[in-house]
PDB file of N, CA and C in Angstrom:
ATOM      1  N   MET A   1       7.833  -5.151  -8.541  1.00  0.00           N
ATOM      2  CA  MET A   1       7.188  -3.775  -8.761  1.00  0.00           C
ATOM      3  C   MET A   1       6.081  -3.740  -9.933  1.00  0.00           C
ATOM      4  N   SER A   2       4.695  -3.345  -9.602  1.00  0.00           N
ATOM      5  CA  SER A   2       3.637  -3.203 -10.799  1.00  0.00           C
ATOM      6  C   SER A   2       4.302  -2.135 -11.719  1.00  0.00           C
ATOM      7  N   GLU A   3       3.915  -1.924 -12.850  1.00  0.00           N
ATOM      8  CA  GLU A   3       3.900  -0.886 -13.917  1.00  0.00           C
ATOM      9  C   GLU A   3       3.033  -0.067 -13.471  1.00  0.00           C
ATOM     10  N   LEU A   4       1.800  -0.429 -12.937  1.00  0.00           N
ATOM     11  CA  LEU A   4       0.660   0.567 -12.676  1.00  0.00           C
ATOM     12  C   LEU A   4       1.059   1.493 -11.237  1.00  0.00           C
ATOM     13  N   PRO A   5       1.005   3.042 -11.437  1.00  0.00           N
ATOM     14  CA  PRO A   5       1.622   3.583 -10.504  1.00  0.00           C
ATOM     15  C   PRO A   5       0.660   3.738  -9.382  1.00  0.00           C
ATOM     16  N   HIS A   6      -0.628   3.017  -9.171  1.00  0.00           N
ATOM     17  CA  HIS A   6      -1.322   3.255  -8.088  1.00  0.00           C
ATOM     18  C   HIS A   6      -1.243   1.764  -7.209  1.00  0.00           C
ATOM     19  N   VAL A   7      -0.534   0.853  -8.020  1.00  0.00           N
ATOM     20  CA  VAL A   7      -0.193  -0.571  -7.365  1.00  0.00           C
ATOM     21  C   VAL A   7       1.155  -0.541  -7.006  1.00  0.00           C
ATOM     22  N   PHE A   8       1.340  -1.083  -5.711  1.00  0.00           N
ATOM     23  CA  PHE A   8       2.668  -1.290  -5.126  1.00  0.00           C
ATOM     24  C   PHE A   8       2.747  -2.119  -3.802  1.00  0.00           C
ATOM     25  N   ASP A   9       3.657  -2.591  -3.635  1.00  0.00           N
ATOM     26  CA  ASP A   9       4.002  -3.457  -2.617  1.00  0.00           C
ATOM     27  C   ASP A   9       4.572  -2.929  -1.538  1.00  0.00           C
ATOM     28  N   ALA A  10       3.601  -2.887  -0.302  1.00  0.00           N
ATOM     29  CA  ALA A  10       4.407  -2.376   0.934  1.00  0.00           C
ATOM     30  C   ALA A  10       4.944  -3.387   1.946  1.00  0.00           C
ATOM     31  N   THR A  11       5.845  -3.155   2.596  1.00  0.00           N
ATOM     32  CA  THR A  11       6.163  -4.286   3.597  1.00  0.00           C
ATOM     33  C   THR A  11       6.011  -3.559   4.812  1.00  0.00           C
ATOM     34  N   THR A  12       6.276  -4.617   5.943  1.00  0.00           N
ATOM     35  CA  THR A  12       6.295  -4.256   7.206  1.00  0.00           C
ATOM     36  C   THR A  12       7.024  -3.221   7.618  1.00  0.00           C
ATOM     37  N   GLU A  13       8.130  -2.722   7.282  1.00  0.00           N
ATOM     38  CA  GLU A  13       8.585  -1.383   7.218  1.00  0.00           C
ATOM     39  C   GLU A  13       7.905  -0.189   6.798  1.00  0.00           C
ATOM     40  N   THR A  14       7.377  -0.315   5.570  1.00  0.00           N
ATOM     41  CA  THR A  14       6.938   0.821   4.912  1.00  0.00           C
ATOM     42  C   THR A  14       5.277   0.853   5.070  1.00  0.00           C
ATOM     43  N   PHE A  15       4.620   0.171   5.654  1.00  0.00           N
ATOM     44  CA  PHE A  15       3.237  -0.280   5.834  1.00  0.00           C
ATOM     45  C   PHE A  15       2.423   1.297   6.340  1.00  0.00           C
ATOM     46  N   GLU A  16       3.213   1.601   7.662  1.00  0.00           N
ATOM     47  CA  GLU A  16       2.540   2.834   7.966  1.00  0.00           C
ATOM     48  C   GLU A  16       2.694   4.221   7.091  1.00  0.00           C
ATOM     49  N   ALA A  17       3.783   4.535   6.375  1.00  0.00           N
ATOM     50  CA  ALA A  17       3.841   5.654   5.464  1.00  0.00           C
ATOM     51  C   ALA A  17       3.202   5.031   4.265  1.00  0.00           C
ATOM     52  N   GLU A  18       3.413   3.973   3.600  1.00  0.00           N
ATOM     53  CA  GLU A  18       2.490   3.951   2.062  1.00  0.00           C
ATOM     54  C   GLU A  18       1.017   3.519   2.490  1.00  0.00           C
ATOM     55  N   VAL A  19       0.705   3.288   3.466  1.00  0.00           N
ATOM     56  CA  VAL A  19      -0.902   2.953   3.418  1.00  0.00           C
ATOM     57  C   VAL A  19      -1.565   3.758   4.444  1.00  0.00           C
ATOM     58  N   LEU A  20      -1.286   3.638   5.688  1.00  0.00           N
ATOM     59  CA  LEU A  20      -2.016   4.507   6.921  1.00  0.00           C
ATOM     60  C   LEU A  20      -1.802   5.937   6.503  1.00  0.00           C
ATOM     61  N   GLN A  21      -0.721   6.251   6.331  1.00  0.00           N
ATOM     62  CA  GLN A  21      -0.663   7.984   6.228  1.00  0.00           C
ATOM     63  C   GLN A  21      -1.361   8.138   4.784  1.00  0.00           C
ATOM     64  N   LYS A  22      -1.305   7.505   3.887  1.00  0.00           N
ATOM     65  CA  LYS A  22      -1.893   7.955   2.509  1.00  0.00           C
ATOM     66  C   LYS A  22      -3.243   7.721   2.625  1.00  0.00           C
ATOM     67  N   SER A  23      -3.896   7.116   3.663  1.00  0.00           N
ATOM     68  CA  SER A  23      -5.238   6.515   3.536  1.00  0.00           C
ATOM     69  C   SER A  23      -6.003   7.844   4.442  1.00  0.00           C
ATOM     70  N   MET A  24      -5.077   8.538   4.923  1.00  0.00           N
ATOM     71  CA  MET A  24      -5.826   9.736   5.584  1.00  0.00           C
ATOM     72  C   MET A  24      -5.886  10.952   4.481  1.00  0.00           C
ATOM     73  N   GLN A  25      -5.657  10.883   3.390  1.00  0.00           N
ATOM     74  CA  GLN A  25      -5.812  11.956   2.352  1.00  0.00           C
ATOM     75  C   GLN A  25      -6.700  11.261   0.755  1.00  0.00           C
ATOM     76  N   THR A  26      -6.690   9.924   0.815  1.00  0.00           N
ATOM     77  CA  THR A  26      -7.372   9.426  -0.356  1.00  0.00           C
ATOM     78  C   THR A  26      -7.648   7.623   0.321  1.00  0.00           C
ATOM     79  N   PRO A  27      -8.719   7.344  -0.388  1.00  0.00           N
ATOM     80  CA  PRO A  27      -9.097   5.984   0.156  1.00  0.00           C
ATOM     81  C   PRO A  27      -8.003   5.155  -0.580  1.00  0.00           C
ATOM     82  N   VAL A  28      -7.671   3.818   0.549  1.00  0.00           N
ATOM     83  CA  VAL A  28      -6.807   2.950  -0.028  1.00  0.00           C
ATOM     84  C   VAL A  28      -7.424   1.650  -0.009  1.00  0.00           C
ATOM     85  N   LEU A  29      -7.195   0.863  -0.833  1.00  0.00           N
ATOM     86  CA  LEU A  29      -7.373  -0.618  -0.931  1.00  0.00           C
ATOM     87  C   LEU A  29      -6.606  -1.545  -0.825  1.00  0.00           C
ATOM     88  N   VAL A  30      -6.511  -2.463   0.334  1.00  0.00           N
ATOM     89  CA  VAL A  30      -5.559  -3.369   0.577  1.00  0.00           C
ATOM     90  C   VAL A  30      -5.833  -4.708   0.417  1.00  0.00           C
ATOM     91  N   ASP A  31      -4.929  -5.506  -0.063  1.00  0.00           N
ATOM     92  CA  ASP A  31      -5.066  -6.743  -0.956  1.00  0.00           C
ATOM     93  C   ASP A  31      -4.065  -7.395   0.123  1.00  0.00           C
ATOM     94  N   PHE A  32      -4.435  -8.407   1.147  1.00  0.00           N
ATOM     95  CA  PHE A  32      -3.398  -9.015   2.099  1.00  0.00           C
ATOM     96  C   PHE A  32      -3.499 -10.690   1.754  1.00  0.00           C
ATOM     97  N   TRP A  33      -2.292 -11.040   1.511  1.00  0.00           N
ATOM     98  CA  TRP A  33      -2.262 -12.432   0.541  1.00  0.00           C
ATOM     99  C   TRP A  33      -0.915 -13.047   1.577  1.00  0.00           C
ATOM    100  N   ALA A  34      -1.002 -14.165   1.500  1.00  0.00           N
ATOM    101  CA  ALA A  34       0.284 -14.903   2.318  1.00  0.00           C
ATOM    102  C   ALA A  34       0.602 -16.113   1.272  1.00  0.00           C
ATOM    103  N   THR A  35       1.961 -16.587   1.361  1.00  0.00           N
ATOM    104  CA  THR A  35       2.342 -17.785   0.691  1.00  0.00           C
ATOM    105  C   THR A  35       2.804 -18.793   1.221  1.00  0.00           C
TER     106      THR A  35
END
């Protein structure tokens, strides 16, 4: 986990709450990456 308060890892389980719902109130930047 990042030490920056606005940088976080979202999982498949938390994506809707962490990203989609928050994006209704504030802009959200998503960086997708794969290993």
